[in-house]
Amino acid sequence: MVTSVDQIDNDKELTTLGLDSMAATNLMLDLEDEFEVTFPDELLTPDVFKTTNTLNSAIEELLDL
């Protein structure tokens, strides 16, 4: 069981940690609030929400980093 963000393997699929469609929606909304971005429809795919690395890449793209 994961008890800390530091314990998450950045390449591990988030579904194995319990991420389902409802949790993904809540995560997206939290990320939009935290980073002051909006996920466009083309980024609302299972591949983007697959791992923390894929999410990080999407956020960097939205922030134009």
PDB file of N, CA and C in Angstrom:
ATOM      1  N   MET A   1       0.826  -1.181   0.000  1.00  0.00           N
ATOM      2  CA  MET A   1       0.000   0.000   0.000  1.00  0.00           C
ATOM      3  C   MET A   1       0.875   1.252   0.000  1.00  0.00           C
ATOM      4  N   VAL A   2       0.535   2.198  -0.845  1.00  0.00           N
ATOM      5  CA  VAL A   2       1.269   3.453  -0.921  1.00  0.00           C
ATOM      6  C   VAL A   2       0.765   4.380   0.176  1.00  0.00           C
ATOM      7  N   THR A   3       1.692   4.882   0.991  1.00  0.00           N
ATOM      8  CA  THR A   3       1.304   5.782   2.071  1.00  0.00           C
ATOM      9  C   THR A   3       1.866   7.184   1.892  1.00  0.00           C
ATOM     10  N   SER A   4       2.686   7.374   0.868  1.00  0.00           N
ATOM     11  CA  SER A   4       3.302   8.670   0.624  1.00  0.00           C
ATOM     12  C   SER A   4       3.523   8.859  -0.870  1.00  0.00           C
ATOM     13  N   VAL A   5       3.439  10.103  -1.312  1.00  0.00           N
ATOM     14  CA  VAL A   5       3.699  10.403  -2.722  1.00  0.00           C
ATOM     15  C   VAL A   5       5.108   9.973  -3.096  1.00  0.00           C
ATOM     16  N   ASP A   6       6.039  10.067  -2.153  1.00  0.00           N
ATOM     17  CA  ASP A   6       7.426   9.685  -2.418  1.00  0.00           C
ATOM     18  C   ASP A   6       7.569   8.204  -2.750  1.00  0.00           C
ATOM     19  N   GLN A   7       6.585   7.396  -2.402  1.00  0.00           N
ATOM     20  CA  GLN A   7       6.643   5.961  -2.652  1.00  0.00           C
ATOM     21  C   GLN A   7       6.116   5.573  -4.027  1.00  0.00           C
ATOM     22  N   ILE A   8       5.583   6.520  -4.780  1.00  0.00           N
ATOM     23  CA  ILE A   8       5.009   6.206  -6.085  1.00  0.00           C
ATOM     24  C   ILE A   8       6.107   6.120  -7.125  1.00  0.00           C
ATOM     25  N   ASP A   9       6.189   4.993  -7.802  1.00  0.00           N
ATOM     26  CA  ASP A   9       7.100   4.819  -8.935  1.00  0.00           C
ATOM     27  C   ASP A   9       6.525   5.618 -10.094  1.00  0.00           C
ATOM     28  N   ASN A  10       7.297   6.557 -10.621  1.00  0.00           N
ATOM     29  CA  ASN A  10       6.808   7.455 -11.668  1.00  0.00           C
ATOM     30  C   ASN A  10       6.394   6.750 -12.950  1.00  0.00           C
ATOM     31  N   ASP A  11       6.820   5.512 -13.133  1.00  0.00           N
ATOM     32  CA  ASP A  11       6.460   4.759 -14.332  1.00  0.00           C
ATOM     33  C   ASP A  11       5.377   3.715 -14.068  1.00  0.00           C
ATOM     34  N   LYS A  12       4.925   3.613 -12.831  1.00  0.00           N
ATOM     35  CA  LYS A  12       3.890   2.634 -12.494  1.00  0.00           C
ATOM     36  C   LYS A  12       2.531   3.157 -12.947  1.00  0.00           C
ATOM     37  N   GLU A  13       1.739   2.279 -13.540  1.00  0.00           N
ATOM     38  CA  GLU A  13       0.415   2.688 -14.005  1.00  0.00           C
ATOM     39  C   GLU A  13      -0.455   3.068 -12.815  1.00  0.00           C
ATOM     40  N   LEU A  14      -1.066   4.237 -12.922  1.00  0.00           N
ATOM     41  CA  LEU A  14      -1.870   4.759 -11.818  1.00  0.00           C
ATOM     42  C   LEU A  14      -3.105   3.911 -11.545  1.00  0.00           C
ATOM     43  N   THR A  15      -3.554   3.160 -12.536  1.00  0.00           N
ATOM     44  CA  THR A  15      -4.703   2.276 -12.301  1.00  0.00           C
ATOM     45  C   THR A  15      -4.359   1.193 -11.286  1.00  0.00           C
ATOM     46  N   THR A  16      -3.088   0.809 -11.213  1.00  0.00           N
ATOM     47  CA  THR A  16      -2.689  -0.196 -10.226  1.00  0.00           C
ATOM     48  C   THR A  16      -2.692   0.374  -8.817  1.00  0.00           C
ATOM     49  N   LEU A  17      -2.735   1.704  -8.722  1.00  0.00           N
ATOM     50  CA  LEU A  17      -2.802   2.371  -7.424  1.00  0.00           C
ATOM     51  C   LEU A  17      -4.226   2.777  -7.073  1.00  0.00           C
ATOM     52  N   GLY A  18      -5.189   2.339  -7.916  1.00  0.00           N
ATOM     53  CA  GLY A  18      -6.591   2.599  -7.624  1.00  0.00           C
ATOM     54  C   GLY A  18      -7.217   3.729  -8.414  1.00  0.00           C
ATOM     55  N   LEU A  19      -6.488   4.297  -9.380  1.00  0.00           N
ATOM     56  CA  LEU A  19      -7.066   5.371 -10.181  1.00  0.00           C
ATOM     57  C   LEU A  19      -8.122   4.802 -11.117  1.00  0.00           C
ATOM     58  N   ASP A  20      -9.355   5.272 -10.945  1.00  0.00           N
ATOM     59  CA  ASP A  20     -10.443   4.899 -11.844  1.00  0.00           C
ATOM     60  C   ASP A  20     -10.940   6.180 -12.512  1.00  0.00           C
ATOM     61  N   SER A  21     -12.012   6.093 -13.274  1.00  0.00           N
ATOM     62  CA  SER A  21     -12.469   7.261 -14.034  1.00  0.00           C
ATOM     63  C   SER A  21     -12.883   8.419 -13.126  1.00  0.00           C
ATOM     64  N   MET A  22     -13.504   8.126 -12.016  1.00  0.00           N
ATOM     65  CA  MET A  22     -13.901   9.191 -11.082  1.00  0.00           C
ATOM     66  C   MET A  22     -12.678   9.838 -10.443  1.00  0.00           C
ATOM     67  N   ALA A  23     -11.729   9.009 -10.038  1.00  0.00           N
ATOM     68  CA  ALA A  23     -10.506   9.539  -9.431  1.00  0.00           C
ATOM     69  C   ALA A  23      -9.701  10.339 -10.451  1.00  0.00           C
ATOM     70  N   ALA A  24      -9.683   9.885 -11.702  1.00  0.00           N
ATOM     71  CA  ALA A  24      -8.968  10.611 -12.757  1.00  0.00           C
ATOM     72  C   ALA A  24      -9.599  11.978 -12.989  1.00  0.00           C
ATOM     73  N   THR A  25     -10.916  12.037 -12.952  1.00  0.00           N
ATOM     74  CA  THR A  25     -11.615  13.316 -13.116  1.00  0.00           C
ATOM     75  C   THR A  25     -11.276  14.257 -11.967  1.00  0.00           C
ATOM     76  N   ASN A  26     -11.306  13.748 -10.751  1.00  0.00           N
ATOM     77  CA  ASN A  26     -10.951  14.570  -9.589  1.00  0.00           C
ATOM     78  C   ASN A  26      -9.499  15.014  -9.644  1.00  0.00           C
ATOM     79  N   LEU A  27      -8.614  14.109 -10.070  1.00  0.00           N
ATOM     80  CA  LEU A  27      -7.201  14.445 -10.206  1.00  0.00           C
ATOM     81  C   LEU A  27      -7.017  15.547 -11.238  1.00  0.00           C
ATOM     82  N   MET A  28      -7.691  15.424 -12.378  1.00  0.00           N
ATOM     83  CA  MET A  28      -7.597  16.435 -13.422  1.00  0.00           C
ATOM     84  C   MET A  28      -8.045  17.799 -12.894  1.00  0.00           C
ATOM     85  N   LEU A  29      -9.167  17.832 -12.191  1.00  0.00           N
ATOM     86  CA  LEU A  29      -9.674  19.096 -11.647  1.00  0.00           C
ATOM     87  C   LEU A  29      -8.704  19.695 -10.635  1.00  0.00           C
ATOM     88  N   ASP A  30      -8.125  18.847  -9.790  1.00  0.00           N
ATOM     89  CA  ASP A  30      -7.139  19.325  -8.817  1.00  0.00           C
ATOM     90  C   ASP A  30      -5.897  19.874  -9.514  1.00  0.00           C
ATOM     91  N   LEU A  31      -5.434  19.175 -10.560  1.00  0.00           N
ATOM     92  CA  LEU A  31      -4.259  19.647 -11.303  1.00  0.00           C
ATOM     93  C   LEU A  31      -4.548  20.957 -12.024  1.00  0.00           C
ATOM     94  N   GLU A  32      -5.748  21.076 -12.583  1.00  0.00           N
ATOM     95  CA  GLU A  32      -6.121  22.329 -13.244  1.00  0.00           C
ATOM     96  C   GLU A  32      -6.107  23.488 -12.246  1.00  0.00           C
ATOM     97  N   ASP A  33      -6.623  23.260 -11.058  1.00  0.00           N
ATOM     98  CA  ASP A  33      -6.618  24.305 -10.027  1.00  0.00           C
ATOM     99  C   ASP A  33      -5.200  24.632  -9.567  1.00  0.00           C
ATOM    100  N   GLU A  34      -4.423  23.601  -9.307  1.00  0.00           N
ATOM    101  CA  GLU A  34      -3.066  23.793  -8.777  1.00  0.00           C
ATOM    102  C   GLU A  34      -2.157  24.527  -9.762  1.00  0.00           C
ATOM    103  N   PHE A  35      -2.230  24.143 -11.034  1.00  0.00           N
ATOM    104  CA  PHE A  35      -1.320  24.705 -12.032  1.00  0.00           C
ATOM    105  C   PHE A  35      -1.960  25.796 -12.888  1.00  0.00           C
ATOM    106  N   GLU A  36      -3.217  26.112 -12.598  1.00  0.00           N
ATOM    107  CA  GLU A  36      -3.953  27.149 -13.334  1.00  0.00           C
ATOM    108  C   GLU A  36      -3.906  26.897 -14.844  1.00  0.00           C
ATOM    109  N   VAL A  37      -4.269  25.672 -15.210  1.00  0.00           N
ATOM    110  CA  VAL A  37      -4.331  25.247 -16.612  1.00  0.00           C
ATOM    111  C   VAL A  37      -5.690  24.601 -16.857  1.00  0.00           C
ATOM    112  N   THR A  38      -5.980  24.367 -18.119  1.00  0.00           N
ATOM    113  CA  THR A  38      -7.176  23.627 -18.514  1.00  0.00           C
ATOM    114  C   THR A  38      -6.748  22.521 -19.460  1.00  0.00           C
ATOM    115  N   PHE A  39      -7.129  21.299 -19.134  1.00  0.00           N
ATOM    116  CA  PHE A  39      -6.820  20.180 -20.012  1.00  0.00           C
ATOM    117  C   PHE A  39      -7.753  20.230 -21.220  1.00  0.00           C
ATOM    118  N   PRO A  40      -7.194  20.384 -22.434  1.00  0.00           N
ATOM    119  CA  PRO A  40      -8.049  20.339 -23.625  1.00  0.00           C
ATOM    120  C   PRO A  40      -8.498  18.904 -23.886  1.00  0.00           C
ATOM    121  N   ASP A  41      -9.546  18.768 -24.673  1.00  0.00           N
ATOM    122  CA  ASP A  41     -10.109  17.438 -24.955  1.00  0.00           C
ATOM    123  C   ASP A  41      -9.068  16.447 -25.454  1.00  0.00           C
ATOM    124  N   GLU A  42      -8.124  16.915 -26.277  1.00  0.00           N
ATOM    125  CA  GLU A  42      -7.142  15.982 -26.852  1.00  0.00           C
ATOM    126  C   GLU A  42      -6.181  15.407 -25.811  1.00  0.00           C
ATOM    127  N   LEU A  43      -6.119  15.998 -24.625  1.00  0.00           N
ATOM    128  CA  LEU A  43      -5.285  15.442 -23.560  1.00  0.00           C
ATOM    129  C   LEU A  43      -6.078  14.605 -22.559  1.00  0.00           C
ATOM    130  N   LEU A  44      -7.358  14.480 -22.765  1.00  0.00           N
ATOM    131  CA  LEU A  44      -8.187  13.673 -21.865  1.00  0.00           C
ATOM    132  C   LEU A  44      -8.244  12.237 -22.366  1.00  0.00           C
ATOM    133  N   THR A  45      -7.092  11.580 -22.307  1.00  0.00           N
ATOM    134  CA  THR A  45      -6.970  10.204 -22.784  1.00  0.00           C
ATOM    135  C   THR A  45      -6.349   9.329 -21.697  1.00  0.00           C
ATOM    136  N   PRO A  46      -6.592   8.044 -21.768  1.00  0.00           N
ATOM    137  CA  PRO A  46      -5.963   7.134 -20.799  1.00  0.00           C
ATOM    138  C   PRO A  46      -4.440   7.192 -20.841  1.00  0.00           C
ATOM    139  N   ASP A  47      -3.864   7.448 -22.013  1.00  0.00           N
ATOM    140  CA  ASP A  47      -2.403   7.514 -22.108  1.00  0.00           C
ATOM    141  C   ASP A  47      -1.830   8.668 -21.298  1.00  0.00           C
ATOM    142  N   VAL A  48      -2.516   9.792 -21.263  1.00  0.00           N
ATOM    143  CA  VAL A  48      -2.035  10.950 -20.504  1.00  0.00           C
ATOM    144  C   VAL A  48      -2.094  10.669 -19.007  1.00  0.00           C
ATOM    145  N   PHE A  49      -3.115   9.961 -18.564  1.00  0.00           N
ATOM    146  CA  PHE A  49      -3.304   9.684 -17.141  1.00  0.00           C
ATOM    147  C   PHE A  49      -2.745   8.315 -16.745  1.00  0.00           C
ATOM    148  N   LYS A  50      -1.834   7.782 -17.548  1.00  0.00           N
ATOM    149  CA  LYS A  50      -1.300   6.442 -17.313  1.00  0.00           C
ATOM    150  C   LYS A  50      -0.339   6.400 -16.119  1.00  0.00           C
ATOM    151  N   THR A  51       0.605   7.328 -16.074  1.00  0.00           N
ATOM    152  CA  THR A  51       1.614   7.357 -15.006  1.00  0.00           C
ATOM    153  C   THR A  51       1.838   8.801 -14.567  1.00  0.00           C
ATOM    154  N   THR A  52       2.575   8.977 -13.479  1.00  0.00           N
ATOM    155  CA  THR A  52       2.900  10.348 -13.084  1.00  0.00           C
ATOM    156  C   THR A  52       3.805  11.001 -14.117  1.00  0.00           C
ATOM    157  N   ASN A  53       4.652  10.223 -14.779  1.00  0.00           N
ATOM    158  CA  ASN A  53       5.504  10.787 -15.831  1.00  0.00           C
ATOM    159  C   ASN A  53       4.680  11.312 -16.996  1.00  0.00           C
ATOM    160  N   THR A  54       3.654  10.584 -17.420  1.00  0.00           N
ATOM    161  CA  THR A  54       2.846  11.048 -18.551  1.00  0.00           C
ATOM    162  C   THR A  54       2.025  12.271 -18.154  1.00  0.00           C
ATOM    163  N   LEU A  55       1.566  12.314 -16.923  1.00  0.00           N
ATOM    164  CA  LEU A  55       0.850  13.499 -16.439  1.00  0.00           C
ATOM    165  C   LEU A  55       1.786  14.702 -16.367  1.00  0.00           C
ATOM    166  N   ASN A  56       2.988  14.480 -15.886  1.00  0.00           N
ATOM    167  CA  ASN A  56       3.977  15.547 -15.801  1.00  0.00           C
ATOM    168  C   ASN A  56       4.260  16.126 -17.183  1.00  0.00           C
ATOM    169  N   SER A  57       4.410  15.266 -18.168  1.00  0.00           N
ATOM    170  CA  SER A  57       4.655  15.730 -19.540  1.00  0.00           C
ATOM    171  C   SER A  57       3.496  16.573 -20.052  1.00  0.00           C
ATOM    172  N   ALA A  58       2.282  16.151 -19.767  1.00  0.00           N
ATOM    173  CA  ALA A  58       1.105  16.902 -20.213  1.00  0.00           C
ATOM    174  C   ALA A  58       1.046  18.273 -19.550  1.00  0.00           C
ATOM    175  N   ILE A  59       1.339  18.323 -18.262  1.00  0.00           N
ATOM    176  CA  ILE A  59       1.309  19.605 -17.553  1.00  0.00           C
ATOM    177  C   ILE A  59       2.406  20.526 -18.073  1.00  0.00           C
ATOM    178  N   GLU A  60       3.599  19.973 -18.318  1.00  0.00           N
ATOM    179  CA  GLU A  60       4.672  20.785 -18.891  1.00  0.00           C
ATOM    180  C   GLU A  60       4.258  21.348 -20.244  1.00  0.00           C
ATOM    181  N   GLU A  61       3.585  20.537 -21.047  1.00  0.00           N
ATOM    182  CA  GLU A  61       3.090  20.996 -22.348  1.00  0.00           C
ATOM    183  C   GLU A  61       2.088  22.138 -22.168  1.00  0.00           C
ATOM    184  N   LEU A  62       1.199  22.000 -21.212  1.00  0.00           N
ATOM    185  CA  LEU A  62       0.199  23.040 -20.965  1.00  0.00           C
ATOM    186  C   LEU A  62       0.828  24.331 -20.442  1.00  0.00           C
ATOM    187  N   LEU A  63       1.917  24.193 -19.709  1.00  0.00           N
ATOM    188  CA  LEU A  63       2.611  25.359 -19.168  1.00  0.00           C
ATOM    189  C   LEU A  63       3.650  25.907 -20.139  1.00  0.00           C
ATOM    190  N   ASP A  64       3.814  25.220 -21.270  1.00  0.00           N
ATOM    191  CA  ASP A  64       4.813  25.606 -22.281  1.00  0.00           C
ATOM    192  C   ASP A  64       6.221  25.645 -21.710  1.00  0.00           C
ATOM    193  N   LEU A  65       6.565  24.623 -20.919  1.00  0.00           N
ATOM    194  CA  LEU A  65       7.910  24.552 -20.343  1.00  0.00           C
ATOM    195  C   LEU A  65       8.874  23.875 -21.270  1.00  0.00           C
TER     196      LEU A  65
END
